[in-house]
Amino acid sequence: MTETSSEKLGWKVVAKTAQEYRDASIARVEPAVPDVPQYLPRDVTSIPQELLSKEEVEITQTLPEVLLKSLASGELTSTIITKAFLRRAGLAQKLANCVTELLPERALTRAKSLDDYYAQHKRPIGPLHGLPISVKEHIGMKDLGLNAGFISWWDHKAEDDAHILKVLWNAGCVFYVRTTQPQSLMHLETSSNLYGVTVNPYNHELTSGGSSGGEGALMGLRGSCLGIGTDIGGSIRSPAANNGVYGLRPTSFRLPFDGLSATMAGSEHIIPVIGPLSTSLEGIKIFMRTIVAAKPWLVEPSLIPIPWIDNQLNGIGRRPLKIAVLWNDGVVQPHPPVTRALKEVAEKLKGINDVELVDWKPYKHDEAWEIIASLYFCDGAKEESDAINASGEPWRPMSNFIIKENPYVKHHSVRDTWYWQCRREQYRRAYAKVWNETATGKNEEGEPESAVDVILCPVGPGVAPLLNSAKYWGYTSQWNLLDYPTLVFPVSKVNSKVDPADKDYEPMNPKDEFNHQLYDPEKFQGAPISLQLVGRRYEDEKASLDHVNGP
């Protein structure tokens, strides 16, 4: 199917083909994936426990580090675990619309080969031996589709596995499911004409986040315990936060990126990154540790050759860990549940002897959005527009928002691009200066001493937004501009009784007013509340602190 034939067939025919292909892959799972009730409750997270076997529920709700120990000891086989996750992932699709295809034959063939290896050698093949891992669709898998959310790209296929998949494969994992992404990949929601809207399993009126929203929803329903997403403005962190799981946006050039599908390939104005989502913090660390230990920079020379250092905090010596709290970014005030979570975590940290807590004053975060929004589409979004328009598919609401309604989307000349890149670097230097000024002194080499180690802050201006309303990127895109590593972790859930709306609040600006008016405690009841930790460049390990491990 070429782009020309896609136009002749019509986008609806292509979408129907994509959905039938997905449904057929689910139908091949044995035993069959259970049907779900015709009328679903607002929160569907408990339904898998009602429809799957006791063993399947136990396996799929076990943390990845525990599963790996069971696999390494021979207590569980990869085949048993993979079958359980295939069925739960198929069920998650029926509940949240988060899957583009299951891979039952590939996955079970792989699982059997790993079980055979273990039976023969009495040891795992690698650190991820037998563990099922979910994959966002635009990360290439050889001979499988690679559409990146565009109808006109439906016939594109990967010629090879993405580099990161090769590393994970060599470590012993099993790939069993591919997950949804939005049209253009530039949404903090997940909505496409190929598959429709991926919803939040805690509340179908809320978004799962984006652009790795399929990963987020799948993990929220425990159809995966470890998966791979990508992030250029919040696309790992938004889904992780919205679904109450962990997610890491690593520093750029830390993990292999070759083999992905997206528009504007080769653009380096704002570097996209690849990273993990997991049901546990240790899952995040295992993922990072495994990939970095493989020295991927030997194959992908753009990567930075630095090891993963689990004990990076040892470098601060005997002084307390210094955590700064960013209560708001000076542009949009977070909704009450987020502020409550910040207060709760801050109180928890105050009770830890080796932690010093200070406030963080935001530095021109409105300017940061102007810069990054000007650098996202230096071709005036021509490639995105062409890819959408080629099939005649309609523009999704969030595509309209980030491209057509975005005043910073302009076609830049080479000189204009240089100007904005200079603005980017000037802002990065200014922010580094602000960070350095949190130091209480200097060491013998004149370097800042006892500066802030990490920043604790919101992931967004609220919990998972209502569908088609995720229009404020500032709490995530800020750190993409600065290229700071950021870890999302779950804290609590919205409680309408303790998170009332602040009716006397006076918004700071139109963006703040838009966000303030969105909040209704009843509409967000039970939604996960998450926060994020931000570190300095290449201090990813420091951002992955155990101090703020979830509830």
Protein backbone atom coordinates (compact mmCIF):
# COMPACT_ATOMS: atom_id res chain seq x y z
CA MET A 1 0.00 0.00 0.00
CA THR A 2 1.67 3.19 -1.18
CA GLU A 3 0.70 6.70 -0.23
CA THR A 4 -1.11 6.97 -3.57
CA SER A 5 -3.12 3.79 -2.96
CA SER A 6 -3.90 5.02 0.58
CA GLU A 7 -5.48 8.10 -0.96
CA LYS A 8 -7.45 5.95 -3.41
CA LEU A 9 -8.68 3.63 -0.67
CA GLY A 10 -9.53 6.45 1.68
CA TRP A 11 -8.29 6.90 5.21
CA LYS A 12 -11.27 5.11 6.77
CA VAL A 13 -10.47 1.93 4.87
CA VAL A 14 -6.85 2.06 6.03
CA ALA A 15 -7.96 2.64 9.63
CA LYS A 16 -10.38 -0.30 9.42
CA THR A 17 -7.56 -2.48 8.08
CA ALA A 18 -5.28 -1.43 10.94
CA GLN A 19 -7.89 -2.20 13.56
CA GLU A 20 -8.80 -5.56 12.02
CA TYR A 21 -5.09 -6.47 11.95
CA ARG A 22 -4.81 -5.59 15.64
CA ASP A 23 -7.96 -7.50 16.56
CA ALA A 24 -6.76 -10.57 14.66
CA SER A 25 -3.50 -10.54 16.61
CA ILE A 26 -5.48 -10.55 19.88
CA ALA A 27 -7.72 -13.36 18.62
CA ARG A 28 -4.65 -15.59 18.16
CA VAL A 29 -3.86 -15.56 21.90
CA GLU A 30 -4.60 -18.84 23.68
CA PRO A 31 -6.53 -19.27 25.89
CA ALA A 32 -8.73 -16.62 24.34
CA VAL A 33 -8.69 -13.13 25.81
CA PRO A 34 -11.89 -12.69 27.83
CA ASP A 35 -14.64 -10.39 26.61
CA VAL A 36 -15.36 -7.34 28.75
CA PRO A 37 -18.79 -6.12 29.91
CA GLN A 38 -20.74 -4.08 27.37
CA TYR A 39 -21.10 -1.22 29.83
CA LEU A 40 -17.87 -0.37 31.59
CA PRO A 41 -17.46 1.60 34.81
CA ARG A 42 -15.47 4.83 34.82
CA ASP A 43 -12.53 3.05 36.51
CA VAL A 44 -11.70 -0.27 34.82
CA THR A 45 -8.47 -1.08 36.67
CA SER A 46 -10.08 -3.84 38.75
CA ILE A 47 -11.68 -5.70 35.84
CA PRO A 48 -8.61 -7.81 34.88
CA GLN A 49 -8.65 -9.34 38.36
CA GLU A 50 -12.23 -10.46 37.75
CA LEU A 51 -11.60 -12.02 34.32
CA LEU A 52 -8.12 -13.58 34.50
CA SER A 53 -6.98 -16.62 36.44
CA LYS A 54 -5.52 -16.23 39.92
CA GLU A 55 -2.07 -17.20 38.59
CA GLU A 56 -2.26 -14.71 35.72
CA VAL A 57 -3.27 -11.90 38.06
CA GLU A 58 -0.47 -12.73 40.47
CA ILE A 59 2.16 -12.86 37.72
CA THR A 60 1.10 -9.67 35.95
CA GLN A 61 0.89 -7.69 39.19
CA THR A 62 4.36 -8.76 40.29
CA LEU A 63 7.11 -6.15 39.97
CA PRO A 64 9.71 -6.73 37.24
CA GLU A 65 12.62 -7.18 39.64
CA VAL A 66 10.71 -9.95 41.44
CA LEU A 67 9.79 -11.67 38.16
CA LEU A 68 13.44 -11.58 37.10
CA LYS A 69 14.46 -13.31 40.33
CA SER A 70 11.83 -16.01 39.75
CA LEU A 71 13.05 -16.47 36.18
CA ALA A 72 16.71 -16.59 37.23
CA SER A 73 15.98 -19.23 39.88
CA GLY A 74 13.84 -21.36 37.59
CA GLU A 75 10.77 -20.87 39.80
CA LEU A 76 8.83 -19.51 36.81
CA THR A 77 9.30 -20.04 33.09
CA SER A 78 9.26 -17.32 30.50
CA THR A 79 6.45 -19.14 28.67
CA ILE A 80 4.13 -18.99 31.68
CA ILE A 81 4.89 -15.31 32.29
CA THR A 82 4.59 -14.34 28.62
CA LYS A 83 1.22 -16.07 28.25
CA ALA A 84 -0.08 -14.19 31.28
CA PHE A 85 1.04 -10.82 29.94
CA LEU A 86 -0.31 -11.56 26.46
CA ARG A 87 -3.77 -12.19 27.90
CA ARG A 88 -3.67 -9.17 30.19
CA ALA A 89 -2.42 -6.93 27.36
CA GLY A 90 -5.26 -8.15 25.14
CA LEU A 91 -7.69 -7.36 27.92
CA ALA A 92 -6.12 -3.92 28.39
CA GLN A 93 -6.81 -3.19 24.73
CA LYS A 94 -10.49 -3.95 25.23
CA LEU A 95 -10.59 -1.68 28.27
CA ALA A 96 -8.46 1.32 27.22
CA ASN A 97 -7.67 0.99 23.47
CA CYS A 98 -3.91 0.98 24.00
CA VAL A 99 -2.52 -1.74 21.69
CA THR A 100 -1.60 -1.70 17.99
CA GLU A 101 -0.82 -5.42 17.89
CA LEU A 102 0.04 -8.40 20.03
CA LEU A 103 2.89 -10.69 18.95
CA PRO A 104 1.82 -14.09 20.33
CA GLU A 105 3.76 -16.33 17.93
CA ARG A 106 6.98 -14.32 18.08
CA ALA A 107 6.76 -13.93 21.83
CA LEU A 108 6.04 -17.57 22.66
CA THR A 109 8.71 -18.84 20.27
CA ARG A 110 11.19 -16.56 21.97
CA ALA A 111 9.99 -17.56 25.44
CA LYS A 112 10.35 -21.26 24.64
CA SER A 113 13.89 -20.75 23.34
CA LEU A 114 14.82 -18.99 26.58
CA ASP A 115 13.23 -21.74 28.66
CA ASP A 116 15.16 -24.33 26.65
CA TYR A 117 18.37 -22.41 27.23
CA TYR A 118 17.74 -22.31 30.95
CA ALA A 119 16.91 -26.04 31.05
CA GLN A 120 20.19 -26.84 29.32
CA HIS A 121 22.54 -24.36 31.03
CA LYS A 122 20.80 -23.91 34.42
CA ARG A 123 21.32 -20.15 34.26
CA PRO A 124 19.68 -17.13 32.60
CA ILE A 125 20.92 -15.96 29.24
CA GLY A 126 21.19 -12.35 30.43
CA PRO A 127 19.95 -9.82 33.00
CA LEU A 128 16.47 -9.60 31.42
CA HIS A 129 16.10 -13.34 30.84
CA GLY A 130 12.51 -14.18 29.94
CA LEU A 131 10.95 -10.85 30.93
CA PRO A 132 8.19 -9.54 28.62
CA ILE A 133 8.74 -5.91 27.54
CA SER A 134 6.19 -3.71 25.74
CA VAL A 135 7.21 -1.39 22.90
CA LYS A 136 5.78 1.87 21.54
CA GLU A 137 4.85 1.37 17.87
CA HIS A 138 7.24 3.85 16.25
CA ILE A 139 10.24 1.97 17.65
CA GLY A 140 11.15 -0.26 14.72
CA MET A 141 10.70 -4.04 14.81
CA LYS A 142 11.97 -5.86 11.74
CA ASP A 143 9.30 -6.53 9.09
CA LEU A 144 6.53 -4.98 11.18
CA GLY A 145 4.62 -1.76 10.51
CA LEU A 146 6.08 1.60 11.42
CA ASN A 147 3.39 4.24 10.94
CA ALA A 148 4.21 6.79 13.68
CA GLY A 149 0.49 7.62 13.91
CA PHE A 150 -0.02 8.62 10.27
CA ILE A 151 -2.57 6.92 8.00
CA SER A 152 -0.32 7.60 4.98
CA TRP A 153 2.54 5.70 6.65
CA TRP A 154 0.49 2.57 7.35
CA ASP A 155 2.43 0.54 4.76
CA HIS A 156 5.87 1.53 6.11
CA LYS A 157 7.82 -1.38 7.56
CA ALA A 158 11.01 -1.53 9.60
CA GLU A 159 13.96 -2.99 7.74
CA ASP A 160 15.65 -3.94 10.99
CA ASP A 161 15.12 -3.90 14.73
CA ALA A 162 15.84 -0.60 16.45
CA HIS A 163 19.23 -0.55 18.14
CA ILE A 164 17.72 -0.45 21.64
CA LEU A 165 15.64 -3.55 20.88
CA LYS A 166 18.75 -5.45 19.84
CA VAL A 167 20.40 -4.58 23.14
CA LEU A 168 17.36 -5.67 25.13
CA TRP A 169 17.02 -8.86 23.06
CA ASN A 170 20.63 -9.77 23.77
CA ALA A 171 19.87 -9.25 27.46
CA GLY A 172 17.18 -11.92 27.21
CA CYS A 173 13.83 -10.12 27.06
CA VAL A 174 10.65 -11.06 25.18
CA PHE A 175 8.79 -8.56 22.97
CA TYR A 176 5.07 -9.34 23.03
CA VAL A 177 3.04 -6.18 22.41
CA ARG A 178 3.22 -2.87 20.56
CA THR A 179 1.36 0.18 21.81
CA THR A 180 -0.51 3.20 20.53
CA GLN A 181 0.73 6.71 19.85
CA PRO A 182 -0.98 9.88 18.60
CA GLN A 183 -1.15 11.40 15.14
CA SER A 184 2.15 13.27 14.60
CA LEU A 185 3.59 11.98 17.92
CA MET A 186 3.32 15.57 19.19
CA HIS A 187 0.48 15.27 21.70
CA LEU A 188 0.33 14.95 25.46
CA GLU A 189 -2.61 12.68 24.67
CA THR A 190 -2.90 9.60 22.46
CA SER A 191 -5.39 10.02 19.65
CA SER A 192 -5.06 8.91 16.03
CA ASN A 193 -7.29 8.12 13.10
CA LEU A 194 -5.72 4.66 12.87
CA TYR A 195 -6.89 3.48 16.28
CA GLY A 196 -8.96 6.23 17.87
CA VAL A 197 -8.47 7.51 21.43
CA THR A 198 -6.48 5.72 24.11
CA VAL A 199 -8.23 6.46 27.39
CA ASN A 200 -7.12 6.46 31.00
CA PRO A 201 -7.99 3.18 32.77
CA TYR A 202 -8.74 5.06 36.01
CA ASN A 203 -11.28 7.24 34.24
CA HIS A 204 -12.28 6.89 30.58
CA GLU A 205 -13.08 10.61 30.39
CA LEU A 206 -9.42 11.43 31.07
CA THR A 207 -6.44 11.01 28.78
CA SER A 208 -3.81 8.32 29.19
CA GLY A 209 -1.24 10.95 28.25
CA GLY A 210 1.03 11.04 25.24
CA SER A 211 2.72 10.44 23.13
CA SER A 212 3.58 7.12 24.81
CA GLY A 213 -0.02 6.88 26.01
CA GLY A 214 -0.45 3.29 24.91
CA GLU A 215 2.46 2.32 27.14
CA GLY A 216 1.02 4.30 30.03
CA ALA A 217 -2.51 2.84 29.81
CA LEU A 218 -1.19 -0.70 29.30
CA MET A 219 1.00 -0.36 32.37
CA GLY A 220 -1.79 1.24 34.39
CA LEU A 221 -3.80 -1.92 33.72
CA ARG A 222 -0.73 -4.06 34.51
CA GLY A 223 -0.64 -5.43 30.98
CA SER A 224 3.08 -4.63 31.14
CA CYS A 225 5.59 -4.21 33.94
CA LEU A 226 8.38 -2.71 31.82
CA GLY A 227 8.11 -0.86 28.53
CA ILE A 228 9.75 1.59 26.16
CA GLY A 229 8.58 5.08 25.28
CA THR A 230 10.03 8.25 23.77
CA ASP A 231 10.01 11.87 24.93
CA ILE A 232 10.51 15.26 23.26
CA GLY A 233 8.13 17.32 25.38
CA GLY A 234 6.77 15.00 28.07
CA SER A 235 5.87 11.87 26.13
CA ILE A 236 7.23 9.39 28.69
CA ARG A 237 6.44 11.41 31.79
CA SER A 238 2.88 12.43 30.95
CA PRO A 239 1.68 8.82 30.42
CA ALA A 240 3.62 7.56 33.44
CA ALA A 241 2.11 10.26 35.65
CA ASN A 242 -1.43 9.92 34.30
CA ASN A 243 -1.45 6.18 34.93
CA GLY A 244 0.35 6.08 38.25
CA VAL A 245 3.59 4.36 37.19
CA TYR A 246 7.26 5.26 36.96
CA GLY A 247 8.91 6.84 33.91
CA LEU A 248 12.34 8.25 33.15
CA ARG A 249 13.26 10.87 30.58
CA PRO A 250 17.04 10.31 30.38
CA THR A 251 19.58 12.91 29.33
CA SER A 252 20.01 12.97 25.54
CA PHE A 253 22.49 10.58 23.94
CA ARG A 254 22.41 8.28 26.95
CA LEU A 255 20.38 5.50 25.30
CA PRO A 256 20.40 4.24 21.68
CA PHE A 257 17.94 5.97 19.37
CA ASP A 258 18.66 4.48 15.94
CA GLY A 259 15.76 2.74 14.22
CA LEU A 260 12.78 4.90 15.18
CA SER A 261 10.19 6.38 12.84
CA ALA A 262 9.19 10.06 12.98
CA THR A 263 9.07 13.18 10.88
CA MET A 264 12.01 15.60 10.80
CA ALA A 265 14.57 12.81 11.08
CA GLY A 266 17.99 14.30 11.75
CA SER A 267 16.68 17.47 13.40
CA GLU A 268 18.75 18.32 16.47
CA HIS A 269 17.11 21.55 17.61
CA ILE A 270 15.37 19.68 20.44
CA ILE A 271 16.73 16.18 20.89
CA PRO A 272 14.13 13.44 21.44
CA VAL A 273 15.06 10.66 23.83
CA ILE A 274 14.03 7.07 24.44
CA GLY A 275 13.43 5.73 27.92
CA PRO A 276 11.61 3.29 30.20
CA LEU A 277 8.25 3.14 31.92
CA SER A 278 7.79 0.60 34.70
CA THR A 279 5.56 -0.45 37.54
CA SER A 280 8.56 -0.02 39.87
CA LEU A 281 11.51 2.29 40.38
CA GLU A 282 13.82 -0.70 40.37
CA GLY A 283 12.43 -1.63 36.94
CA ILE A 284 13.60 1.76 35.66
CA LYS A 285 17.07 1.18 37.08
CA ILE A 286 17.31 -2.36 35.70
CA PHE A 287 16.43 -1.06 32.24
CA MET A 288 19.02 1.70 32.35
CA ARG A 289 21.70 -0.45 33.94
CA THR A 290 21.24 -3.20 31.34
CA ILE A 291 21.41 -0.96 28.29
CA VAL A 292 24.31 1.20 29.44
CA ALA A 293 26.28 -1.91 30.48
CA ALA A 294 26.10 -3.09 26.86
CA LYS A 295 28.18 -0.06 25.77
CA PRO A 296 25.80 0.95 22.95
CA TRP A 297 28.11 3.85 22.04
CA LEU A 298 30.39 1.33 20.31
CA VAL A 299 27.64 0.86 17.69
CA GLU A 300 25.95 4.27 17.84
CA PRO A 301 28.82 6.79 18.05
CA SER A 302 26.63 9.77 18.99
CA LEU A 303 25.99 8.23 22.41
CA ILE A 304 27.97 9.40 25.43
CA PRO A 305 30.26 6.66 26.80
CA ILE A 306 29.53 6.93 30.50
CA PRO A 307 28.55 4.05 32.79
CA TRP A 308 25.44 3.83 34.95
CA ILE A 309 26.54 4.57 38.53
CA ASP A 310 24.01 3.31 41.07
CA ASN A 311 25.84 4.92 43.96
CA GLN A 312 26.16 8.36 42.36
CA LEU A 313 24.97 9.98 45.60
CA ASN A 314 28.23 8.89 47.23
CA GLY A 315 29.83 11.80 45.40
CA ILE A 316 28.11 14.36 47.63
CA GLY A 317 30.14 13.21 50.63
CA ARG A 318 28.77 13.62 54.13
CA ARG A 319 26.56 16.62 53.42
CA PRO A 320 22.77 16.20 53.27
CA LEU A 321 21.04 15.56 49.96
CA LYS A 322 19.66 18.94 48.92
CA ILE A 323 16.22 18.82 47.32
CA ALA A 324 14.51 21.97 46.04
CA VAL A 325 10.72 22.12 45.71
CA LEU A 326 9.24 23.95 42.72
CA TRP A 327 5.68 24.65 43.88
CA ASN A 328 4.63 26.20 40.57
CA ASP A 329 6.40 27.41 37.45
CA GLY A 330 5.22 31.02 37.64
CA VAL A 331 2.98 30.51 34.62
CA VAL A 332 0.29 28.00 35.58
CA GLN A 333 -0.68 27.08 39.14
CA PRO A 334 -1.15 23.31 39.59
CA HIS A 335 -4.53 21.95 40.64
CA PRO A 336 -5.09 21.28 44.37
CA PRO A 337 -4.30 17.52 44.29
CA VAL A 338 -0.84 18.21 42.86
CA THR A 339 -0.09 20.85 45.48
CA ARG A 340 -1.26 18.43 48.17
CA ALA A 341 1.09 15.74 46.84
CA LEU A 342 4.00 18.18 46.86
CA LYS A 343 3.27 19.07 50.48
CA GLU A 344 2.99 15.41 51.49
CA VAL A 345 6.27 14.42 49.85
CA ALA A 346 8.00 17.52 51.24
CA GLU A 347 6.84 16.56 54.75
CA LYS A 348 8.10 13.02 54.22
CA LEU A 349 11.49 14.34 53.12
CA LYS A 350 11.72 16.68 56.12
CA GLY A 351 11.65 13.60 58.31
CA ILE A 352 14.76 12.12 56.68
CA ASN A 353 17.98 13.04 58.49
CA ASP A 354 20.24 13.25 55.45
CA VAL A 355 17.91 15.48 53.39
CA GLU A 356 17.85 19.28 53.27
CA LEU A 357 14.74 20.85 51.76
CA VAL A 358 14.67 24.29 50.11
CA ASP A 359 12.33 26.15 47.76
CA TRP A 360 13.11 26.54 44.04
CA LYS A 361 12.31 29.83 42.37
CA PRO A 362 11.35 29.25 38.73
CA TYR A 363 13.43 31.15 36.20
CA LYS A 364 11.52 32.51 33.19
CA HIS A 365 9.62 29.32 32.38
CA ASP A 366 7.39 31.29 30.02
CA GLU A 367 10.44 32.17 27.96
CA ALA A 368 11.45 28.51 27.92
CA TRP A 369 8.18 27.59 26.20
CA GLU A 370 8.64 30.34 23.61
CA ILE A 371 12.08 28.93 22.77
CA ILE A 372 11.21 25.24 22.63
CA ALA A 373 7.93 25.83 20.77
CA SER A 374 9.88 27.83 18.18
CA LEU A 375 12.35 24.96 17.73
CA TYR A 376 9.92 22.05 17.48
CA PHE A 377 8.88 22.70 13.88
CA CYS A 378 11.61 24.65 12.11
CA ASP A 379 10.16 23.66 8.74
CA GLY A 380 6.86 25.27 9.71
CA ALA A 381 5.52 21.76 10.46
CA LYS A 382 5.61 20.93 6.75
CA GLU A 383 6.59 17.29 7.25
CA GLU A 384 3.84 16.72 9.82
CA SER A 385 1.27 18.50 7.68
CA ASP A 386 2.28 16.60 4.55
CA ALA A 387 2.14 13.26 6.36
CA ILE A 388 -1.34 14.02 7.72
CA ASN A 389 -2.72 15.50 4.52
CA ALA A 390 -1.35 12.81 2.18
CA SER A 391 -4.14 10.38 3.06
CA GLY A 392 -6.90 12.93 3.52
CA GLU A 393 -7.30 11.93 7.16
CA PRO A 394 -8.74 14.64 9.42
CA TRP A 395 -6.56 16.55 11.84
CA ARG A 396 -6.99 15.43 15.43
CA PRO A 397 -7.76 18.17 17.99
CA MET A 398 -4.34 18.03 19.64
CA SER A 399 -2.57 18.12 16.25
CA ASN A 400 -4.48 21.30 15.50
CA PHE A 401 -3.47 22.70 18.88
CA ILE A 402 0.27 22.09 18.68
CA ILE A 403 0.63 23.00 14.98
CA LYS A 404 -2.17 25.14 13.55
CA GLU A 405 -3.01 27.02 16.75
CA ASN A 406 0.59 27.39 17.89
CA PRO A 407 1.83 30.96 17.21
CA TYR A 408 5.46 29.81 17.36
CA VAL A 409 5.19 27.41 14.41
CA LYS A 410 6.94 29.19 11.55
CA HIS A 411 9.18 28.22 8.69
CA HIS A 412 12.64 29.29 9.80
CA SER A 413 15.47 30.28 7.53
CA VAL A 414 18.91 28.95 8.42
CA ARG A 415 19.68 32.26 10.12
CA ASP A 416 16.39 32.15 12.07
CA THR A 417 17.23 28.64 13.23
CA TRP A 418 20.64 29.77 14.39
CA TYR A 419 18.98 32.61 16.31
CA TRP A 420 16.65 30.28 18.20
CA GLN A 421 19.44 27.83 18.91
CA CYS A 422 21.47 30.70 20.38
CA ARG A 423 18.44 31.61 22.50
CA ARG A 424 18.29 28.00 23.66
CA GLU A 425 21.93 27.97 24.71
CA GLN A 426 21.65 31.36 26.42
CA TYR A 427 18.69 30.10 28.42
CA ARG A 428 20.53 26.92 29.37
CA ARG A 429 23.49 28.94 30.63
CA ALA A 430 21.20 31.23 32.61
CA TYR A 431 19.42 28.29 34.22
CA ALA A 432 22.74 26.63 35.08
CA LYS A 433 23.77 29.89 36.77
CA VAL A 434 20.58 29.87 38.82
CA TRP A 435 21.30 26.29 39.84
CA ASN A 436 24.93 27.05 40.70
CA GLU A 437 23.82 29.95 42.89
CA THR A 438 22.06 27.50 45.21
CA ALA A 439 25.53 26.44 46.39
CA THR A 440 26.66 27.51 49.85
CA GLY A 441 30.32 27.75 48.88
CA LYS A 442 33.06 26.58 46.53
CA ASN A 443 35.58 23.78 46.79
CA GLU A 444 39.34 24.06 46.24
CA GLU A 445 38.84 23.93 42.47
CA GLY A 446 36.37 26.80 42.61
CA GLU A 447 33.38 24.57 41.80
CA PRO A 448 29.99 25.16 43.47
CA GLU A 449 29.63 23.16 46.67
CA SER A 450 26.45 22.03 48.45
CA ALA A 451 24.25 23.14 45.56
CA VAL A 452 20.79 21.69 44.99
CA ASP A 453 21.02 18.06 43.90
CA VAL A 454 17.54 17.58 42.43
CA ILE A 455 14.32 19.53 41.97
CA LEU A 456 10.97 18.11 43.10
CA CYS A 457 8.11 19.46 40.98
CA PRO A 458 4.76 18.76 39.30
CA VAL A 459 4.59 16.68 36.11
CA GLY A 460 1.75 18.81 34.81
CA PRO A 461 -0.70 21.49 35.88
CA GLY A 462 -3.04 18.79 37.15
CA VAL A 463 -3.56 15.04 37.12
CA ALA A 464 -4.55 13.31 33.86
CA PRO A 465 -6.41 15.98 31.85
CA LEU A 466 -9.88 15.62 30.39
CA LEU A 467 -9.72 14.42 26.79
CA ASN A 468 -8.64 17.10 24.31
CA SER A 469 -7.54 19.52 27.03
CA ALA A 470 -3.84 18.68 27.55
CA LYS A 471 -2.64 22.04 26.28
CA TYR A 472 -0.04 23.07 28.83
CA TRP A 473 3.33 21.40 28.28
CA GLY A 474 5.45 23.66 30.48
CA TYR A 475 6.00 21.30 33.42
CA THR A 476 7.57 18.68 31.14
CA SER A 477 8.90 20.55 28.08
CA GLN A 478 10.90 22.83 30.39
CA TRP A 479 13.28 19.98 31.11
CA ASN A 480 13.47 18.90 27.45
CA LEU A 481 14.73 22.38 26.60
CA LEU A 482 17.34 22.16 29.35
CA ASP A 483 18.01 18.47 28.58
CA TYR A 484 17.73 17.54 32.25
CA PRO A 485 16.95 13.94 33.27
CA THR A 486 13.58 13.60 34.94
CA LEU A 487 11.96 10.75 36.86
CA VAL A 488 8.18 10.49 37.38
CA PHE A 489 6.86 8.60 40.39
CA PRO A 490 3.36 7.98 41.80
CA VAL A 491 2.29 9.60 45.07
CA SER A 492 -1.46 9.32 45.70
CA LYS A 493 -4.88 9.64 44.10
CA VAL A 494 -7.37 12.48 43.89
CA ASN A 495 -9.80 12.60 46.77
CA SER A 496 -12.63 15.02 46.08
CA LYS A 497 -13.23 15.48 49.80
CA VAL A 498 -9.71 16.70 50.55
CA ASP A 499 -8.93 18.31 47.17
CA PRO A 500 -11.65 20.95 46.74
CA ALA A 501 -11.41 23.63 44.09
CA ASP A 502 -10.00 26.98 45.17
CA LYS A 503 -12.90 29.22 44.20
CA ASP A 504 -11.12 32.37 45.33
CA TYR A 505 -8.03 31.82 43.18
CA GLU A 506 -7.20 34.65 40.78
CA PRO A 507 -5.41 33.35 37.63
CA MET A 508 -2.08 34.89 36.63
CA ASN A 509 -2.73 34.85 32.87
CA PRO A 510 -5.02 33.26 30.22
CA LYS A 511 -3.17 29.91 30.31
CA ASP A 512 -3.56 29.78 34.06
CA GLU A 513 -7.21 30.71 33.79
CA PHE A 514 -7.83 27.92 31.23
CA ASN A 515 -6.21 25.39 33.54
CA HIS A 516 -7.98 26.68 36.65
CA GLN A 517 -11.39 26.36 35.00
CA LEU A 518 -10.71 22.72 34.09
CA TYR A 519 -10.62 21.59 37.69
CA ASP A 520 -13.64 19.88 39.18
CA PRO A 521 -12.74 17.46 42.00
CA GLU A 522 -15.56 15.07 41.14
CA LYS A 523 -14.40 14.73 37.52
CA PHE A 524 -10.90 13.72 38.64
CA GLN A 525 -11.88 11.55 41.61
CA GLY A 526 -9.52 8.57 41.92
CA ALA A 527 -7.06 9.73 39.26
CA PRO A 528 -3.38 9.06 40.06
CA ILE A 529 -1.28 11.95 41.35
CA SER A 530 2.38 11.87 40.38
CA LEU A 531 5.40 14.13 40.75
CA GLN A 532 8.82 14.32 39.13
CA LEU A 533 12.43 14.66 40.21
CA VAL A 534 14.75 16.66 37.98
CA GLY A 535 18.53 16.33 37.95
CA ARG A 536 21.31 18.10 36.08
CA ARG A 537 22.54 16.79 32.73
CA TYR A 538 24.00 13.28 32.93
CA GLU A 539 23.03 12.92 36.56
CA ASP A 540 20.22 10.54 35.64
CA GLU A 541 21.07 8.26 38.54
CA LYS A 542 20.70 11.09 41.03
CA ALA A 543 17.22 11.85 39.66
CA SER A 544 16.27 8.20 40.26
CA LEU A 545 16.21 8.55 44.04
CA ASP A 546 14.81 5.92 46.38
CA HIS A 547 13.93 8.72 48.83
CA VAL A 548 10.66 9.43 47.07
CA ASN A 549 9.66 5.88 46.13
CA GLY A 550 5.90 5.73 45.60
CA PRO A 551 3.02 5.13 47.99
